[in-house]
Protein backbone atom coordinates (compact mmCIF):
# COMPACT_ATOMS: atom_id res chain seq x y z
CA UNK A 1 -12.13 13.18 -3.33
CA UNK A 2 -9.99 16.26 -2.82
CA UNK A 3 -11.29 19.39 -4.56
CA UNK A 4 -8.77 21.98 -5.65
CA UNK A 5 -9.51 25.65 -4.86
CA UNK A 6 -11.49 27.24 -7.68
CA UNK A 7 -10.06 30.77 -7.42
CA UNK A 8 -6.95 30.03 -9.54
CA UNK A 9 -9.25 28.84 -12.35
CA UNK A 10 -10.70 32.34 -12.64
CA UNK A 11 -7.44 34.22 -12.27
CA UNK A 12 -5.57 32.36 -15.03
CA UNK A 13 -4.67 33.94 -18.37
CA UNK A 14 -7.48 34.06 -20.95
CA UNK A 15 -6.54 32.49 -24.29
CA UNK A 16 -8.24 32.72 -27.66
CA UNK A 17 -9.85 29.56 -29.06
CA UNK A 18 -6.95 28.99 -31.48
CA UNK A 19 -4.36 29.45 -28.71
CA UNK A 20 -6.18 27.00 -26.45
CA UNK A 21 -6.31 24.39 -29.22
CA UNK A 22 -2.58 24.81 -29.89
CA UNK A 23 -1.74 24.59 -26.19
CA UNK A 24 -3.79 21.40 -25.75
CA UNK A 25 -2.11 19.81 -28.78
CA UNK A 26 1.34 20.61 -27.44
CA UNK A 27 0.48 19.22 -24.00
CA UNK A 28 -0.87 15.99 -25.49
CA UNK A 29 2.23 15.61 -27.66
CA UNK A 30 4.44 16.17 -24.61
CA UNK A 31 2.48 13.60 -22.58
CA UNK A 32 2.82 10.98 -25.32
CA UNK A 33 6.55 11.53 -25.63
CA UNK A 34 7.21 11.33 -21.88
CA UNK A 35 4.78 8.51 -20.99
CA UNK A 36 6.35 5.44 -19.38
CA UNK A 37 3.67 3.14 -20.78
CA UNK A 38 3.11 1.75 -24.23
CA UNK A 39 0.00 2.77 -26.11
CA UNK A 40 -0.47 -0.76 -27.48
CA UNK A 41 -1.73 -2.17 -24.21
CA UNK A 42 -2.24 -5.90 -23.90
CA UNK A 43 -4.95 -7.90 -22.15
CA UNK A 44 -3.53 -11.28 -23.19
CA UNK A 45 -4.77 -14.04 -20.91
CA UNK A 46 -7.64 -11.98 -19.54
CA UNK A 47 -10.45 -13.90 -17.90
CA UNK A 48 -13.25 -11.98 -16.22
CA UNK A 49 -13.74 -12.53 -12.50
CA UNK A 50 -17.37 -13.29 -11.77
CA UNK A 51 -17.41 -12.48 -8.05
CA UNK A 52 -19.89 -9.96 -6.69
CA UNK A 53 -19.98 -7.68 -3.70
CA UNK A 54 -21.82 -9.45 -0.92
CA UNK A 55 -24.77 -7.96 0.93
CA UNK A 56 -22.52 -7.63 3.99
CA UNK A 57 -20.14 -5.48 1.93
CA UNK A 58 -22.95 -3.18 0.87
CA UNK A 59 -24.27 -3.00 4.43
CA UNK A 60 -20.95 -1.46 5.46
CA UNK A 61 -21.85 1.58 3.38
CA UNK A 62 -24.97 2.43 5.35
CA UNK A 63 -23.59 4.02 8.51
CA UNK A 64 -19.88 4.80 8.39
CA UNK A 65 -18.44 6.63 11.40
CA UNK A 66 -18.43 10.41 11.21
CA UNK A 67 -15.18 10.84 13.12
CA UNK A 68 -12.04 10.28 11.03
CA UNK A 69 -10.37 8.69 14.05
CA UNK A 70 -13.23 6.21 14.32
CA UNK A 71 -13.06 5.56 10.58
CA UNK A 72 -9.37 4.69 10.93
CA UNK A 73 -10.16 2.31 13.81
CA UNK A 74 -12.86 0.56 11.79
CA UNK A 75 -10.61 0.18 8.73
CA UNK A 76 -7.91 -1.27 10.98
CA UNK A 77 -10.41 -3.76 12.38
CA UNK A 78 -11.48 -4.76 8.84
CA UNK A 79 -7.90 -5.29 7.72
CA UNK A 80 -6.85 -7.16 10.86
CA UNK A 81 -9.69 -9.63 10.31
CA UNK A 82 -8.75 -10.50 6.72
CA UNK A 83 -5.11 -9.56 6.06
CA UNK A 84 -2.07 -11.63 7.14
CA UNK A 85 0.16 -8.57 7.61
CA UNK A 86 -1.22 -5.16 8.59
CA UNK A 87 0.98 -2.10 9.09
CA UNK A 88 0.07 1.35 10.41
CA UNK A 89 2.15 4.18 9.03
CA UNK A 90 2.14 7.55 10.83
CA UNK A 91 1.41 10.38 8.42
CA UNK A 92 3.23 12.96 10.51
CA UNK A 93 0.33 15.39 10.78
CA UNK A 94 -1.96 15.28 13.80
CA UNK A 95 -2.37 11.62 14.83
CA UNK A 96 -3.75 9.98 11.69
CA UNK A 97 -2.20 6.90 10.10
CA UNK A 98 -2.26 5.04 6.81
CA UNK A 99 -3.51 1.48 7.27
CA UNK A 100 -1.67 -0.94 4.97
CA UNK A 101 -2.43 -4.55 4.11
CA UNK A 102 0.73 -6.21 2.75
CA UNK A 103 0.33 -9.31 0.58
CA UNK A 104 3.75 -10.70 -0.24
CA UNK A 105 4.19 -12.13 -3.74
CA UNK A 106 6.82 -14.22 -5.48
CA UNK A 107 8.21 -11.54 -7.80
CA UNK A 108 10.15 -8.33 -7.22
CA UNK A 109 7.24 -6.19 -8.44
CA UNK A 110 4.64 -4.38 -6.35
CA UNK A 111 1.18 -3.03 -7.11
CA UNK A 112 -0.69 -0.51 -4.97
CA UNK A 113 -4.47 -0.14 -4.62
CA UNK A 114 -5.54 2.78 -2.46
CA UNK A 115 -8.62 4.53 -1.12
CA UNK A 116 -8.85 7.25 1.51
CA UNK A 117 -10.95 6.76 4.62
CA UNK A 118 -11.21 10.35 5.86
CA UNK A 119 -14.19 12.62 5.24
CA UNK A 120 -14.91 16.32 5.49
CA UNK A 121 -17.95 18.58 5.42
CA UNK A 122 -21.44 18.05 6.82
CA UNK A 123 -22.30 14.67 5.32
CA UNK A 124 -21.40 11.12 6.32
CA UNK A 125 -19.03 10.70 3.35
CA UNK A 126 -20.51 7.45 2.05
CA UNK A 127 -19.46 7.79 -1.59
CA UNK A 128 -16.47 9.97 -0.70
CA UNK A 129 -14.91 7.71 0.24
CA UNK A 130 -16.31 4.90 2.33
CA UNK A 131 -17.28 3.34 -1.00
CA UNK A 132 -13.59 2.97 -1.84
CA UNK A 133 -12.83 1.47 1.57
CA UNK A 134 -15.52 -1.17 1.08
CA UNK A 135 -14.09 -2.15 -2.32
CA UNK A 136 -10.45 -2.35 -1.27
CA UNK A 137 -11.37 -4.38 1.85
CA UNK A 138 -13.13 -6.90 -0.37
CA UNK A 139 -10.13 -6.88 -2.74
CA UNK A 140 -7.86 -8.03 0.09
CA UNK A 141 -9.88 -11.24 0.32
CA UNK A 142 -10.05 -11.71 -3.45
CA UNK A 143 -6.28 -11.32 -3.94
CA UNK A 144 -5.54 -13.89 -1.26
CA UNK A 145 -7.75 -16.42 -3.02
CA UNK A 146 -5.77 -15.76 -6.22
CA UNK A 147 -2.44 -16.58 -4.52
CA UNK A 148 -0.78 -13.55 -6.05
CA UNK A 149 2.36 -13.70 -8.16
CA UNK A 150 3.34 -10.11 -7.36
CA UNK A 151 3.35 -8.22 -4.08
CA UNK A 152 0.30 -6.04 -3.38
CA UNK A 153 -0.23 -3.33 -0.84
CA UNK A 154 -3.84 -2.34 -0.25
CA UNK A 155 -3.78 1.02 1.48
CA UNK A 156 -6.42 3.00 3.37
CA UNK A 157 -4.95 6.50 3.19
CA UNK A 158 -5.60 9.12 5.85
CA UNK A 159 -5.78 12.89 5.41
CA UNK A 160 -6.55 12.90 1.70
CA UNK A 161 -9.15 15.64 2.07
CA UNK A 162 -6.71 18.03 3.72
CA UNK A 163 -4.07 17.75 1.00
CA UNK A 164 -3.31 14.08 0.15
CA UNK A 165 -0.95 13.93 3.14
CA UNK A 166 -1.39 10.18 3.61
CA UNK A 167 -0.25 9.23 0.12
CA UNK A 168 2.55 11.79 0.27
CA UNK A 169 3.77 10.18 3.49
CA UNK A 170 3.62 6.73 1.90
CA UNK A 171 5.78 7.81 -1.02
CA UNK A 172 8.13 9.66 1.32
CA UNK A 173 8.80 6.53 3.38
CA UNK A 174 8.55 3.78 0.75
CA UNK A 175 11.72 1.68 0.56
CA UNK A 176 10.36 -1.69 -0.53
CA UNK A 177 9.97 -3.37 -3.90
CA UNK A 178 9.63 -1.08 -6.93
CA UNK A 179 6.04 0.04 -7.48
CA UNK A 180 4.80 -0.81 -10.97
CA UNK A 181 1.44 0.94 -10.81
CA UNK A 182 -1.18 2.41 -8.50
CA UNK A 183 -4.97 2.10 -8.72
CA UNK A 184 -6.86 4.86 -6.90
CA UNK A 185 -10.45 4.09 -5.84
CA UNK A 186 -12.35 7.21 -4.82
CA UNK A 187 -16.05 8.13 -4.73
CA UNK A 188 -18.01 5.32 -6.33
CA UNK A 189 -21.66 4.40 -6.70
CA UNK A 190 -23.07 7.83 -7.54
CA UNK A 191 -23.23 7.19 -11.28
CA UNK A 192 -21.59 5.27 -14.13
CA UNK A 193 -17.96 4.35 -13.63
CA UNK A 194 -15.31 6.77 -14.90
CA UNK A 195 -11.55 7.06 -15.03
CA UNK A 196 -9.65 10.30 -14.59
CA UNK A 197 -8.39 11.38 -18.01
CA UNK A 198 -5.00 12.16 -16.46
CA UNK A 199 -4.47 8.44 -15.72
CA UNK A 200 -1.61 6.64 -17.47
CA UNK A 201 -2.35 5.71 -21.06
CA UNK A 202 -1.58 2.00 -20.81
CA UNK A 203 -3.77 1.44 -17.74
CA UNK A 204 -6.62 3.45 -19.26
CA UNK A 205 -6.42 1.29 -22.36
CA UNK A 206 -6.44 -1.97 -20.39
CA UNK A 207 -9.33 -0.80 -18.19
CA UNK A 208 -11.39 0.14 -21.25
CA UNK A 209 -10.80 -3.25 -22.88
CA UNK A 210 -11.77 -5.08 -19.70
CA UNK A 211 -14.88 -2.92 -19.26
CA UNK A 212 -15.99 -3.82 -22.77
CA UNK A 213 -15.42 -7.53 -22.07
CA UNK A 214 -17.42 -7.56 -18.84
CA UNK A 215 -20.08 -5.15 -20.16
CA UNK A 216 -19.41 -2.35 -17.67
CA UNK A 217 -19.91 1.26 -18.74
CA UNK A 218 -16.61 3.14 -18.40
CA UNK A 219 -15.78 6.59 -19.76
CA UNK A 220 -13.13 9.29 -19.29
CA UNK A 221 -13.66 12.18 -16.90
CA UNK A 222 -12.09 15.62 -17.31
CA UNK A 223 -12.69 17.14 -13.85
CA UNK A 224 -9.44 19.06 -13.62
CA UNK A 225 -10.54 20.72 -10.37
CA UNK A 226 -10.17 17.41 -8.50
CA UNK A 227 -7.14 15.54 -7.32
CA UNK A 228 -6.53 12.48 -5.16
CA UNK A 229 -4.07 10.02 -3.69
CA UNK A 230 -2.82 9.15 -7.18
CA UNK A 231 -1.00 12.47 -7.44
CA UNK A 232 2.13 11.71 -5.32
CA UNK A 233 2.61 8.48 -7.31
CA UNK A 234 2.26 10.34 -10.60
CA UNK A 235 4.88 12.86 -9.48
CA UNK A 236 7.33 9.97 -9.05
CA UNK A 237 6.62 8.71 -12.57
CA UNK A 238 4.56 5.73 -11.42
CA UNK A 239 1.72 4.68 -13.73
CA UNK A 240 -1.70 5.12 -12.17
CA UNK A 241 -5.39 4.65 -12.85
CA UNK A 242 -7.94 6.67 -10.88
CA UNK A 243 -11.52 5.37 -10.78
CA UNK A 244 -14.56 7.38 -9.62
CA UNK A 245 -18.20 8.07 -10.52
CA UNK A 246 -18.40 11.87 -10.70
CA UNK A 247 -19.57 14.39 -13.24
CA UNK A 248 -20.13 18.14 -12.91
CA UNK A 249 -23.60 17.62 -11.44
CA UNK A 250 -22.70 14.85 -8.99
CA UNK A 251 -19.59 16.62 -7.72
CA UNK A 252 -21.94 19.03 -5.90
CA UNK A 253 -22.93 16.21 -3.53
CA UNK A 254 -19.42 15.93 -2.12
CA UNK A 255 -18.82 17.12 1.43
CA UNK A 256 -22.56 17.72 1.91
CA UNK A 257 -25.44 15.82 3.53
CA UNK A 258 -26.37 14.51 0.08
CA UNK A 259 -23.36 12.18 0.15
CA UNK A 260 -25.36 9.50 1.96
CA UNK A 261 -26.45 5.91 1.51
CA UNK A 262 -29.52 7.11 -0.41
CA UNK A 263 -27.28 8.47 -3.18
CA UNK A 264 -25.58 5.11 -3.78
CA UNK A 265 -26.57 2.76 -6.60
CA UNK A 266 -25.89 -0.87 -5.67
CA UNK A 267 -25.65 -1.77 -9.36
CA UNK A 268 -22.98 0.89 -9.93
CA UNK A 269 -21.03 -0.39 -6.93
CA UNK A 270 -21.18 -3.92 -8.36
CA UNK A 271 -19.88 -2.66 -11.71
CA UNK A 272 -16.98 -0.84 -10.04
CA UNK A 273 -16.13 -3.99 -8.09
CA UNK A 274 -16.19 -6.21 -11.16
CA UNK A 275 -13.83 -3.90 -13.01
CA UNK A 276 -11.47 -3.51 -10.06
CA UNK A 277 -11.15 -7.22 -9.30
CA UNK A 278 -10.87 -8.20 -12.99
CA UNK A 279 -8.18 -5.56 -13.59
CA UNK A 280 -6.25 -6.62 -10.48
CA UNK A 281 -6.41 -10.27 -11.53
CA UNK A 282 -5.06 -9.47 -14.99
CA UNK A 283 -2.23 -7.30 -13.66
CA UNK A 284 -1.15 -10.00 -11.25
CA UNK A 285 -0.96 -12.61 -14.03
CA UNK A 286 1.51 -10.54 -16.07
CA UNK A 287 4.93 -12.20 -15.66
CA UNK A 288 6.68 -8.91 -16.43
CA UNK A 289 4.14 -6.16 -15.72
CA UNK A 290 5.08 -3.50 -18.24
CA UNK A 291 2.31 -1.75 -20.16
């Protein structure tokens, strides 16, 4: 999870309560008028996926490498063992790479699921974001069992913490099938599942309906001081959903020694997995994925 500098928050213009309310209303109206998704989202044909994270998946969370170079190597090893086509994309800064699992589908549409593997600070970076790496690695296996209709790229992004350089590089170089949507998986297992309130309306709506169906707690988060690998996709007008488990108390664990295995709830990880795999399954079954 990339935290934005806090100084600009305190140097911004101070508005009165009435001005703030008016500004928020205008921004919401603008967002509704320019959104590329329909508010009447559909979950037609949804069937929950009953798979669970295995104990071996959860064991991967215990001792992730501290070096970002070693984390990249381990992600590459994971992907090479389960993915039919693995690509490494140079980011262009230092020597880090994005690690991409490509699952070719029958249609001309592509979906992206991403999580960053790099860490920063004094802690081992278990929630932020080895938790996301564990989930997307498992998703590679699940999607192959589904025999996907659409093309999927599952991406372990590098250099998110230093400025989302990995996802920026991906969007800079992407020349393949048109991307329909992007799911960002970042910092899970610390608490109940949340979605970033800035996510696209249609995907938020679908995720909430699925969460209700599979009895997973899901709520909006308004942590405007955070960003992530969803941002370069959003700038290109691509619909996105960003999932995490943070609130204003838990965000203090990031980049510290408190972001360790001890902070992770296995039940919360299972809930995040169930939502992610059920959502991915539904999206892949849409013959024309427009929300």
